[in-house]
Each structure stands twice: as structure tokens, then as C-alpha cells.
PDB file of N, CA and C in Angstrom:
ATOM      1  N   PRO A   1       0.960  -1.109  -0.666  1.00  0.00           N
ATOM      2  CA  PRO A   1       0.173   0.049   0.279  1.00  0.00           C
ATOM      3  C   PRO A   1       0.827   1.509  -0.152  1.00  0.00           C
ATOM      4  N   ARG A   2       2.414   1.232   0.537  1.00  0.00           N
ATOM      5  CA  ARG A   2       3.064   2.444   0.190  1.00  0.00           C
ATOM      6  C   ARG A   2       2.863   2.465  -0.792  1.00  0.00           C
ATOM      7  N   SER A   3       3.304   1.573  -1.899  1.00  0.00           N
ATOM      8  CA  SER A   3       4.320   1.775  -2.967  1.00  0.00           C
ATOM      9  C   SER A   3       2.007   2.292  -3.924  1.00  0.00           C
ATOM     10  N   THR A   4       1.579   2.195  -3.673  1.00  0.00           N
ATOM     11  CA  THR A   4      -0.213   2.529  -3.992  1.00  0.00           C
ATOM     12  C   THR A   4      -0.090   4.040  -3.832  1.00  0.00           C
ATOM     13  N   GLN A   5       0.372   4.036  -2.371  1.00  0.00           N
ATOM     14  CA  GLN A   5      -0.031   6.088  -1.877  1.00  0.00           C
ATOM     15  C   GLN A   5       0.915   7.196  -3.003  1.00  0.00           C
ATOM     16  N   SER A   6       2.129   6.393  -3.203  1.00  0.00           N
ATOM     17  CA  SER A   6       3.085   7.284  -3.596  1.00  0.00           C
ATOM     18  C   SER A   6       2.724   7.187  -5.353  1.00  0.00           C
ATOM     19  N   ARG A   7       2.460   6.351  -5.907  1.00  0.00           N
ATOM     20  CA  ARG A   7       1.462   6.560  -7.009  1.00  0.00           C
ATOM     21  C   ARG A   7       0.662   7.396  -6.841  1.00  0.00           C
ATOM     22  N   SER A   8       0.175   7.284  -6.413  1.00  0.00           N
ATOM     23  CA  SER A   8      -1.485   8.336  -6.521  1.00  0.00           C
ATOM     24  C   SER A   8      -0.977   9.814  -5.862  1.00  0.00           C
ATOM     25  N   SER A   9      -0.083   9.941  -4.793  1.00  0.00           N
ATOM     26  CA  SER A   9       0.248  11.188  -4.440  1.00  0.00           C
ATOM     27  C   SER A   9       0.901  11.891  -6.011  1.00  0.00           C
ATOM     28  N   ALA A  10       2.155  10.750  -6.737  1.00  0.00           N
ATOM     29  CA  ALA A  10       2.662  11.626  -8.177  1.00  0.00           C
ATOM     30  C   ALA A  10       1.469  11.640  -8.935  1.00  0.00           C
ATOM     31  N   ALA A  11       0.506  10.784  -9.049  1.00  0.00           N
ATOM     32  CA  ALA A  11      -0.490  11.016  -9.926  1.00  0.00           C
ATOM     33  C   ALA A  11      -1.405  12.317  -9.690  1.00  0.00           C
ATOM     34  N   SER A  12      -1.528  12.736  -8.782  1.00  0.00           N
ATOM     35  CA  SER A  12      -2.083  13.790  -7.981  1.00  0.00           C
ATOM     36  C   SER A  12      -1.111  14.845  -8.303  1.00  0.00           C
ATOM     37  N   ASP A  13      -0.212  15.051  -8.087  1.00  0.00           N
ATOM     38  CA  ASP A  13       0.637  15.980  -8.518  1.00  0.00           C
ATOM     39  C   ASP A  13       0.888  16.350 -10.058  1.00  0.00           C
ATOM     40  N   VAL A  14       0.966  15.423 -10.756  1.00  0.00           N
ATOM     41  CA  VAL A  14       1.257  15.426 -11.818  1.00  0.00           C
ATOM     42  C   VAL A  14      -0.340  16.131 -12.543  1.00  0.00           C
ATOM     43  N   TYR A  15      -1.338  15.640 -12.139  1.00  0.00           N
ATOM     44  CA  TYR A  15      -2.970  16.503 -12.519  1.00  0.00           C
ATOM     45  C   TYR A  15      -2.770  18.108 -12.162  1.00  0.00           C
ATOM     46  N   LYS A  16      -2.104  18.195 -10.651  1.00  0.00           N
ATOM     47  CA  LYS A  16      -2.408  19.175 -10.544  1.00  0.00           C
ATOM     48  C   LYS A  16      -1.091  20.764 -11.285  1.00  0.00           C
ATOM     49  N   ARG A  17      -0.243  20.041 -11.664  1.00  0.00           N
ATOM     50  CA  ARG A  17       0.881  20.564 -12.278  1.00  0.00           C
ATOM     51  C   ARG A  17      -0.128  20.697 -13.751  1.00  0.00           C
ATOM     52  N   GLN A  18      -0.824  20.128 -14.105  1.00  0.00           N
ATOM     53  CA  GLN A  18      -1.190  20.160 -15.648  1.00  0.00           C
ATOM     54  C   GLN A  18      -2.504  21.213 -15.209  1.00  0.00           C
ATOM     55  N   LEU A  19      -3.212  20.755 -14.401  1.00  0.00           N
ATOM     56  CA  LEU A  19      -4.162  22.370 -13.799  1.00  0.00           C
ATOM     57  C   LEU A  19      -3.822  23.663 -13.647  1.00  0.00           C
ATOM     58  N   PHE A  20      -3.061  22.936 -13.000  1.00  0.00           N
ATOM     59  CA  PHE A  20      -2.144  24.715 -12.537  1.00  0.00           C
ATOM     60  C   PHE A  20      -1.806  25.497 -14.075  1.00  0.00           C
ATOM     61  N   SER A  21      -1.400  24.953 -14.956  1.00  0.00           N
ATOM     62  CA  SER A  21      -0.708  25.420 -16.250  1.00  0.00           C
ATOM     63  C   SER A  21      -1.488  25.566 -17.314  1.00  0.00           C
ATOM     64  N   SER A  22      -2.642  24.690 -17.029  1.00  0.00           N
ATOM     65  CA  SER A  22      -3.757  24.743 -17.940  1.00  0.00           C
ATOM     66  C   SER A  22      -4.643  26.453 -17.762  1.00  0.00           C
ATOM     67  N   LEU A  23      -4.675  26.445 -16.360  1.00  0.00           N
ATOM     68  CA  LEU A  23      -5.695  27.475 -15.968  1.00  0.00           C
ATOM     69  C   LEU A  23      -4.511  29.100 -15.944  1.00  0.00           C
ATOM     70  N   GLN A  24      -3.579  28.893 -15.492  1.00  0.00           N
ATOM     71  CA  GLN A  24      -1.917  29.517 -15.864  1.00  0.00           C
ATOM     72  C   GLN A  24      -2.450  30.143 -17.772  1.00  0.00           C
ATOM     73  N   ALA A  25      -2.183  29.084 -18.568  1.00  0.00           N
ATOM     74  CA  ALA A  25      -2.641  29.280 -20.024  1.00  0.00           C
ATOM     75  C   ALA A  25      -3.674  30.256 -20.421  1.00  0.00           C
ATOM     76  N   LYS A  26      -5.080  29.846 -19.892  1.00  0.00           N
ATOM     77  CA  LYS A  26      -6.395  30.573 -19.825  1.00  0.00           C
ATOM     78  C   LYS A  26      -5.922  32.030 -19.574  1.00  0.00           C
ATOM     79  N   GLN A  27      -5.705  31.809 -17.877  1.00  0.00           N
ATOM     80  CA  GLN A  27      -5.322  33.291 -17.607  1.00  0.00           C
ATOM     81  C   GLN A  27      -4.484  34.684 -18.334  1.00  0.00           C
ATOM     82  N   GLU A  28      -3.729  33.843 -18.967  1.00  0.00           N
ATOM     83  CA  GLU A  28      -2.631  34.239 -20.095  1.00  0.00           C
ATOM     84  C   GLU A  28      -3.797  34.905 -21.436  1.00  0.00           C
ATOM     85  N   GLU A  29      -4.572  33.491 -21.790  1.00  0.00           N
ATOM     86  CA  GLU A  29      -5.254  34.360 -23.243  1.00  0.00           C
ATOM     87  C   GLU A  29      -6.439  35.001 -22.424  1.00  0.00           C
ATOM     88  N   LEU A  30      -6.981  34.977 -21.027  1.00  0.00           N
ATOM     89  CA  LEU A  30      -7.993  36.558 -21.107  1.00  0.00           C
ATOM     90  C   LEU A  30      -7.678  37.389 -21.047  1.00  0.00           C
ATOM     91  N   GLN A  31      -6.324  37.435 -20.696  1.00  0.00           N
ATOM     92  CA  GLN A  31      -5.617  38.810 -19.974  1.00  0.00           C
ATOM     93  C   GLN A  31      -5.275  39.661 -21.365  1.00  0.00           C
ATOM     94  N   GLN A  32      -4.891  38.560 -22.469  1.00  0.00           N
ATOM     95  CA  GLN A  32      -4.853  39.279 -23.699  1.00  0.00           C
ATOM     96  C   GLN A  32      -6.064  39.706 -24.260  1.00  0.00           C
ATOM     97  N   VAL A  33      -7.125  38.886 -24.401  1.00  0.00           N
ATOM     98  CA  VAL A  33      -8.771  39.413 -24.864  1.00  0.00           C
ATOM     99  C   VAL A  33      -9.302  40.847 -24.075  1.00  0.00           C
ATOM    100  N   ILE A  34      -8.981  40.974 -22.728  1.00  0.00           N
ATOM    101  CA  ILE A  34      -9.036  42.055 -22.026  1.00  0.00           C
ATOM    102  C   ILE A  34      -8.259  42.758 -22.377  1.00  0.00           C
ATOM    103  N   THR A  35      -7.083  43.075 -22.628  1.00  0.00           N
ATOM    104  CA  THR A  35      -6.041  44.561 -22.887  1.00  0.00           C
ATOM    105  C   THR A  35      -6.808  44.501 -24.572  1.00  0.00           C
ATOM    106  N   GLN A  36      -6.933  43.698 -25.185  1.00  0.00           N
ATOM    107  CA  GLN A  36      -7.393  44.252 -26.541  1.00  0.00           C
ATOM    108  C   GLN A  36      -8.609  44.375 -26.351  1.00  0.00           C
ATOM    109  N   SER A  37      -9.865  44.256 -26.112  1.00  0.00           N
ATOM    110  CA  SER A  37     -11.277  45.176 -25.647  1.00  0.00           C
ATOM    111  C   SER A  37     -10.839  46.311 -24.936  1.00  0.00           C
ATOM    112  N   VAL A  38     -10.238  46.442 -24.083  1.00  0.00           N
ATOM    113  CA  VAL A  38      -9.909  47.822 -23.268  1.00  0.00           C
ATOM    114  C   VAL A  38      -9.095  48.992 -24.965  1.00  0.00           C
ATOM    115  N   GLU A  39      -7.819  48.297 -25.508  1.00  0.00           N
ATOM    116  CA  GLU A  39      -6.910  48.918 -26.315  1.00  0.00           C
ATOM    117  C   GLU A  39      -8.446  49.267 -27.470  1.00  0.00           C
ATOM    118  N   ASP A  40      -9.520  48.583 -27.686  1.00  0.00           N
ATOM    119  CA  ASP A  40     -10.265  48.544 -28.538  1.00  0.00           C
ATOM    120  C   ASP A  40     -11.569  49.843 -28.329  1.00  0.00           C
ATOM    121  N   CYS A  41     -11.585  49.903 -27.208  1.00  0.00           N
ATOM    122  CA  CYS A  41     -12.439  50.579 -26.400  1.00  0.00           C
ATOM    123  C   CYS A  41     -11.767  51.918 -26.287  1.00  0.00           C
ATOM    124  N   VAL A  42     -10.866  52.452 -25.925  1.00  0.00           N
ATOM    125  CA  VAL A  42     -10.211  53.624 -25.873  1.00  0.00           C
ATOM    126  C   VAL A  42     -10.062  53.882 -27.308  1.00  0.00           C
ATOM    127  N   PHE A  43      -9.705  53.430 -27.999  1.00  0.00           N
ATOM    128  CA  PHE A  43      -9.420  54.032 -29.878  1.00  0.00           C
ATOM    129  C   PHE A  43     -11.104  54.385 -30.338  1.00  0.00           C
ATOM    130  N   ILE A  44     -12.546  53.550 -29.717  1.00  0.00           N
ATOM    131  CA  ILE A  44     -13.439  53.858 -29.899  1.00  0.00           C
ATOM    132  C   ILE A  44     -13.718  55.034 -29.711  1.00  0.00           C
ATOM    133  N   ILE A  45     -13.411  54.974 -28.285  1.00  0.00           N
ATOM    134  CA  ILE A  45     -13.553  56.344 -27.795  1.00  0.00           C
ATOM    135  C   ILE A  45     -13.097  57.846 -27.784  1.00  0.00           C
ATOM    136  N   GLU A  46     -11.644  57.536 -28.394  1.00  0.00           N
ATOM    137  CA  GLU A  46     -10.743  58.573 -28.828  1.00  0.00           C
ATOM    138  C   GLU A  46     -11.627  58.922 -30.041  1.00  0.00           C
ATOM    139  N   SER A  47     -12.025  58.381 -30.872  1.00  0.00           N
ATOM    140  CA  SER A  47     -12.611  58.556 -32.165  1.00  0.00           C
ATOM    141  C   SER A  47     -13.624  59.251 -31.958  1.00  0.00           C
ATOM    142  N   ARG A  48     -14.656  58.653 -30.916  1.00  0.00           N
ATOM    143  CA  ARG A  48     -15.839  59.592 -30.502  1.00  0.00           C
ATOM    144  C   ARG A  48     -15.695  60.872 -30.062  1.00  0.00           C
ATOM    145  N   LEU A  49     -14.682  60.889 -29.565  1.00  0.00           N
ATOM    146  CA  LEU A  49     -13.986  62.548 -28.632  1.00  0.00           C
ATOM    147  C   LEU A  49     -13.523  63.205 -30.144  1.00  0.00           C
ATOM    148  N   LYS A  50     -12.659  62.775 -30.957  1.00  0.00           N
ATOM    149  CA  LYS A  50     -12.557  63.748 -31.951  1.00  0.00           C
ATOM    150  C   LYS A  50     -13.777  64.152 -32.949  1.00  0.00           C
ATOM    151  N   ASP A  51     -14.113  63.137 -32.808  1.00  0.00           N
ATOM    152  CA  ASP A  51     -15.658  63.353 -33.571  1.00  0.00           C
ATOM    153  C   ASP A  51     -16.203  64.601 -33.154  1.00  0.00           C
ATOM    154  N   VAL A  52     -16.849  64.543 -31.338  1.00  0.00           N
ATOM    155  CA  VAL A  52     -17.469  65.487 -30.749  1.00  0.00           C
ATOM    156  C   VAL A  52     -16.727  66.924 -30.908  1.00  0.00           C
ATOM    157  N   GLU A  53     -15.501  66.809 -31.185  1.00  0.00           N
ATOM    158  CA  GLU A  53     -14.581  68.324 -30.785  1.00  0.00           C
ATOM    159  C   GLU A  53     -14.698  68.525 -32.402  1.00  0.00           C
ATOM    160  N   ASP A  54     -15.032  67.664 -33.370  1.00  0.00           N
ATOM    161  CA  ASP A  54     -15.178  68.492 -35.021  1.00  0.00           C
ATOM    162  C   ASP A  54     -16.401  69.051 -34.734  1.00  0.00           C
ATOM    163  N   PHE A  55     -17.458  68.094 -34.345  1.00  0.00           N
ATOM    164  CA  PHE A  55     -18.974  68.852 -34.063  1.00  0.00           C
ATOM    165  C   PHE A  55     -19.061  70.049 -33.538  1.00  0.00           C
ATOM    166  N   LYS A  56     -18.224  70.283 -32.165  1.00  0.00           N
ATOM    167  CA  LYS A  56     -18.420  70.934 -31.554  1.00  0.00           C
ATOM    168  C   LYS A  56     -17.561  72.626 -32.598  1.00  0.00           C
ATOM    169  N   ILE A  57     -16.633  72.173 -33.087  1.00  0.00           N
ATOM    170  CA  ILE A  57     -16.009  73.243 -34.146  1.00  0.00           C
ATOM    171  C   ILE A  57     -16.903  73.862 -34.646  1.00  0.00           C
ATOM    172  N   SER A  58     -17.296  72.747 -35.517  1.00  0.00           N
ATOM    173  CA  SER A  58     -18.714  73.050 -36.478  1.00  0.00           C
ATOM    174  C   SER A  58     -19.844  73.769 -36.370  1.00  0.00           C
ATOM    175  N   LEU A  59     -20.077  73.619 -34.923  1.00  0.00           N
ATOM    176  CA  LEU A  59     -21.206  74.132 -34.207  1.00  0.00           C
ATOM    177  C   LEU A  59     -20.951  75.752 -33.948  1.00  0.00           C
ATOM    178  N   GLU A  60     -19.488  75.801 -33.680  1.00  0.00           N
ATOM    179  CA  GLU A  60     -19.405  77.250 -33.411  1.00  0.00           C
ATOM    180  C   GLU A  60     -19.221  77.920 -34.679  1.00  0.00           C
ATOM    181  N   ILE A  61     -18.839  77.315 -35.706  1.00  0.00           N
ATOM    182  CA  ILE A  61     -18.632  77.922 -37.114  1.00  0.00           C
ATOM    183  C   ILE A  61     -19.848  78.490 -37.724  1.00  0.00           C
ATOM    184  N   VAL A  62     -21.292  77.949 -37.259  1.00  0.00           N
ATOM    185  CA  VAL A  62     -22.262  77.835 -37.780  1.00  0.00           C
ATOM    186  C   VAL A  62     -22.952  78.909 -36.871  1.00  0.00           C
ATOM    187  N   ASP A  63     -22.779  79.068 -35.692  1.00  0.00           N
ATOM    188  CA  ASP A  63     -22.810  79.798 -34.706  1.00  0.00           C
ATOM    189  C   ASP A  63     -22.625  81.371 -34.935  1.00  0.00           C
ATOM    190  N   ASP A  64     -21.444  80.927 -35.257  1.00  0.00           N
ATOM    191  CA  ASP A  64     -20.284  82.177 -36.079  1.00  0.00           C
ATOM    192  C   ASP A  64     -21.580  82.778 -37.497  1.00  0.00           C
ATOM    193  N   LYS A  65     -22.060  82.095 -38.253  1.00  0.00           N
ATOM    194  CA  LYS A  65     -22.380  82.686 -39.326  1.00  0.00           C
ATOM    195  C   LYS A  65     -23.809  82.956 -39.171  1.00  0.00           C
ATOM    196  N   VAL A  66     -24.422  82.394 -38.460  1.00  0.00           N
ATOM    197  CA  VAL A  66     -25.817  82.494 -37.403  1.00  0.00           C
ATOM    198  C   VAL A  66     -25.755  84.061 -37.291  1.00  0.00           C
ATOM    199  N   ARG A  67     -24.547  84.420 -35.581  1.00  0.00           N
ATOM    200  CA  ARG A  67     -24.828  85.601 -35.939  1.00  0.00           C
ATOM    201  C   ARG A  67     -24.491  86.917 -36.463  1.00  0.00           C
ATOM    202  N   GLN A  68     -23.555  86.530 -37.514  1.00  0.00           N
ATOM    203  CA  GLN A  68     -23.654  87.156 -38.771  1.00  0.00           C
ATOM    204  C   GLN A  68     -24.285  88.037 -39.565  1.00  0.00           C
ATOM    205  N   GLU A  69     -25.650  86.760 -39.637  1.00  0.00           N
ATOM    206  CA  GLU A  69     -26.795  86.873 -40.656  1.00  0.00           C
ATOM    207  C   GLU A  69     -27.932  87.870 -39.258  1.00  0.00           C
ATOM    208  N   ILE A  70     -27.486  87.078 -38.478  1.00  0.00           N
ATOM    209  CA  ILE A  70     -28.554  87.931 -37.712  1.00  0.00           C
ATOM    210  C   ILE A  70     -28.269  89.633 -37.461  1.00  0.00           C
ATOM    211  N   ASP A  71     -26.576  89.713 -37.470  1.00  0.00           N
ATOM    212  CA  ASP A  71     -26.437  91.076 -37.624  1.00  0.00           C
ATOM    213  C   ASP A  71     -26.864  91.994 -38.990  1.00  0.00           C
ATOM    214  N   ASN A  72     -26.430  91.058 -40.015  1.00  0.00           N
ATOM    215  CA  ASN A  72     -26.875  91.803 -41.126  1.00  0.00           C
ATOM    216  C   ASN A  72     -28.547  91.934 -41.290  1.00  0.00           C
ATOM    217  N   MET A  73     -29.452  91.393 -40.584  1.00  0.00           N
ATOM    218  CA  MET A  73     -31.029  91.497 -40.671  1.00  0.00           C
ATOM    219  C   MET A  73     -31.090  92.354 -39.842  1.00  0.00           C
ATOM    220  N   SER A  74     -30.215  93.055 -38.726  1.00  0.00           N
ATOM    221  CA  SER A  74     -30.981  93.936 -38.183  1.00  0.00           C
ATOM    222  C   SER A  74     -30.378  95.594 -38.682  1.00  0.00           C
ATOM    223  N   THR A  75     -29.339  95.151 -39.282  1.00  0.00           N
ATOM    224  CA  THR A  75     -28.706  96.048 -40.821  1.00  0.00           C
ATOM    225  C   THR A  75     -29.451  96.828 -41.725  1.00  0.00           C
ATOM    226  N   VAL A  76     -30.484  95.252 -42.090  1.00  0.00           N
ATOM    227  CA  VAL A  76     -31.647  95.969 -43.192  1.00  0.00           C
ATOM    228  C   VAL A  76     -32.383  96.549 -42.105  1.00  0.00           C
ATOM    229  N   ASP A  77     -32.860  96.041 -41.184  1.00  0.00           N
ATOM    230  CA  ASP A  77     -34.543  96.603 -40.188  1.00  0.00           C
ATOM    231  C   ASP A  77     -33.921  97.976 -39.978  1.00  0.00           C
ATOM    232  N   GLU A  78     -32.627  98.409 -40.128  1.00  0.00           N
ATOM    233  CA  GLU A  78     -32.404  99.535 -39.741  1.00  0.00           C
ATOM    234  C   GLU A  78     -32.567 100.295 -41.307  1.00  0.00           C
ATOM    235  N   ILE A  79     -32.414 100.106 -42.137  1.00  0.00           N
ATOM    236  CA  ILE A  79     -32.624 100.513 -43.617  1.00  0.00           C
ATOM    237  C   ILE A  79     -33.984 100.756 -43.557  1.00  0.00           C
ATOM    238  N   LYS A  80     -34.639  99.435 -43.250  1.00  0.00           N
ATOM    239  CA  LYS A  80     -36.114  99.867 -43.919  1.00  0.00           C
ATOM    240  C   LYS A  80     -37.099 100.807 -42.830  1.00  0.00           C
ATOM    241  N   ARG A  81     -36.533 100.915 -41.585  1.00  0.00           N
ATOM    242  CA  ARG A  81     -37.187 102.360 -40.658  1.00  0.00           C
ATOM    243  C   ARG A  81     -36.257 103.614 -41.494  1.00  0.00           C
ATOM    244  N   ASP A  82     -35.278 103.427 -41.738  1.00  0.00           N
ATOM    245  CA  ASP A  82     -35.118 105.351 -42.432  1.00  0.00           C
ATOM    246  C   ASP A  82     -35.394 105.394 -43.732  1.00  0.00           C
ATOM    247  N   LEU A  83     -35.958 104.389 -44.835  1.00  0.00           N
ATOM    248  CA  LEU A  83     -36.115 104.558 -45.718  1.00  0.00           C
ATOM    249  C   LEU A  83     -37.858 105.083 -45.653  1.00  0.00           C
ATOM    250  N   ASP A  84     -38.313 104.103 -44.504  1.00  0.00           N
ATOM    251  CA  ASP A  84     -39.866 105.020 -44.227  1.00  0.00           C
ATOM    252  C   ASP A  84     -40.244 106.231 -43.831  1.00  0.00           C
ATOM    253  N   LYS A  85     -39.265 106.521 -42.802  1.00  0.00           N
ATOM    254  CA  LYS A  85     -38.886 107.917 -42.627  1.00  0.00           C
ATOM    255  C   LYS A  85     -38.804 108.630 -43.691  1.00  0.00           C
ATOM    256  N   LEU A  86     -37.695 108.364 -44.403  1.00  0.00           N
ATOM    257  CA  LEU A  86     -37.931 109.204 -45.653  1.00  0.00           C
ATOM    258  C   LEU A  86     -39.149 109.211 -46.971  1.00  0.00           C
ATOM    259  N   LEU A  87     -39.742 108.332 -47.010  1.00  0.00           N
ATOM    260  CA  LEU A  87     -40.893 108.188 -47.787  1.00  0.00           C
ATOM    261  C   LEU A  87     -42.150 109.060 -46.515  1.00  0.00           C
ATOM    262  N   SER A  88     -41.920 108.753 -45.817  1.00  0.00           N
ATOM    263  CA  SER A  88     -43.173 109.578 -44.798  1.00  0.00           C
ATOM    264  C   SER A  88     -42.785 111.430 -45.256  1.00  0.00           C
ATOM    265  N   ILE A  89     -41.552 111.864 -45.337  1.00  0.00           N
ATOM    266  CA  ILE A  89     -41.621 112.857 -45.612  1.00  0.00           C
ATOM    267  C   ILE A  89     -41.516 113.222 -47.132  1.00  0.00           C
ATOM    268  N   CYS A  90     -40.997 112.513 -47.688  1.00  0.00           N
ATOM    269  CA  CYS A  90     -41.287 113.373 -49.246  1.00  0.00           C
ATOM    270  C   CYS A  90     -43.114 113.315 -49.275  1.00  0.00           C
ATOM    271  N   LEU A  91     -43.415 114.512 -49.504  1.00  0.00           N
ATOM    272  CA  LEU A  91     -44.595 114.786 -49.855  1.00  0.00           C
ATOM    273  C   LEU A  91     -44.924 114.787 -51.638  1.00  0.00           C
ATOM    274  N   LEU A  92     -45.780 114.407 -52.012  1.00  0.00           N
ATOM    275  CA  LEU A  92     -46.349 114.305 -53.965  1.00  0.00           C
ATOM    276  C   LEU A  92     -47.063 115.273 -54.343  1.00  0.00           C
ATOM    277  N   TYR A  93     -46.671 116.667 -54.846  1.00  0.00           N
ATOM    278  CA  TYR A  93     -47.472 117.781 -54.943  1.00  0.00           C
ATOM    279  C   TYR A  93     -47.496 117.808 -56.419  1.00  0.00           C
ATOM    280  N   THR A  94     -49.276 117.821 -56.658  1.00  0.00           N
ATOM    281  CA  THR A  94     -49.824 117.727 -57.767  1.00  0.00           C
ATOM    282  C   THR A  94     -50.434 119.285 -57.442  1.00  0.00           C
ATOM    283  N   SER A  95     -50.049 120.029 -59.102  1.00  0.00           N
ATOM    284  CA  SER A  95     -50.831 121.052 -59.460  1.00  0.00           C
ATOM    285  C   SER A  95     -52.353 120.900 -59.798  1.00  0.00           C
ATOM    286  N   PRO A  96     -53.346 121.583 -59.705  1.00  0.00           N
ATOM    287  CA  PRO A  96     -54.828 121.131 -59.325  1.00  0.00           C
ATOM    288  C   PRO A  96     -54.894 121.083 -61.406  1.00  0.00           C
ATOM    289  N   SER A  97     -56.188 120.429 -61.473  1.00  0.00           N
ATOM    290  CA  SER A  97     -56.405 120.087 -63.064  1.00  0.00           C
ATOM    291  C   SER A  97     -57.073 120.455 -63.295  1.00  0.00           C
ATOM    292  N   PRO A  98     -57.074 120.926 -64.620  1.00  0.00           N
ATOM    293  CA  PRO A  98     -58.299 121.852 -64.893  1.00  0.00           C
ATOM    294  C   PRO A  98     -59.792 121.594 -64.929  1.00  0.00           C
ATOM    295  N   ARG A  99     -59.880 120.472 -64.862  1.00  0.00           N
ATOM    296  CA  ARG A  99     -61.017 119.624 -65.180  1.00  0.00           C
ATOM    297  C   ARG A  99     -61.563 119.834 -62.798  1.00  0.00           C
ATOM    298  N   ASP A 100     -60.471 119.819 -61.943  1.00  0.00           N
ATOM    299  CA  ASP A 100     -60.826 120.605 -60.729  1.00  0.00           C
ATOM    300  C   ASP A 100     -61.704 121.769 -60.482  1.00  0.00           C
ATOM    301  N   SER A 101     -61.723 122.463 -61.647  1.00  0.00           N
ATOM    302  CA  SER A 101     -62.244 123.750 -61.436  1.00  0.00           C
ATOM    303  C   SER A 101     -63.855 123.949 -61.716  1.00  0.00           C
TER     304      SER A 101
END
């Protein structure tokens, strides 16, 4: 029975080493998958952030153009007011028609 115990113990040791080696390989594989996933996520986030920054710049450009248009519109309104004032001052004089007598 002593020889049986040592063979059983040796088999158990071999099994434990194989199990540990297999677990270690799985851990390394999982670590690679996690690392790749994190790198992919970082790439996607950086791309989205760049898109957001580009969008903000586009909004600023559009905002500037809209503000310029609004400024131009107020100038047009001022011109219309001035024109209305001028037209209200201008009187048309007509001489009496011979038919009016």
C-alpha cells in the first residue's frame, strides 16, 4: 500500500501541475482578450471624442455665421426704418387739374 500511495500522490501532483499550467494559459489568454478589448474601447472613445470636438467646431462656425446673419438682418431693419422715415417726409405735390375747377 505504500507504493500505491506514492503512485497516487505522484499522479495527483502531475494532475495539479497540468491543471495549474492550463489555468495559467487560460489566464494569459484572458488577459490578452481583456487588453485587446480595452485598447479597442479606448480607440472607439478617442474617435468619438474627436467626432465630438469636430462637431463642436462645426457648431461654433455655424453659430458665428448665424450671428453674422442676425447682425446683417438688424442692419436691413435699420435701413427699412430709415427708408420709411424718408418716404413719410417726401410729399408729392400735384397742381390742380383744369377739370377740378
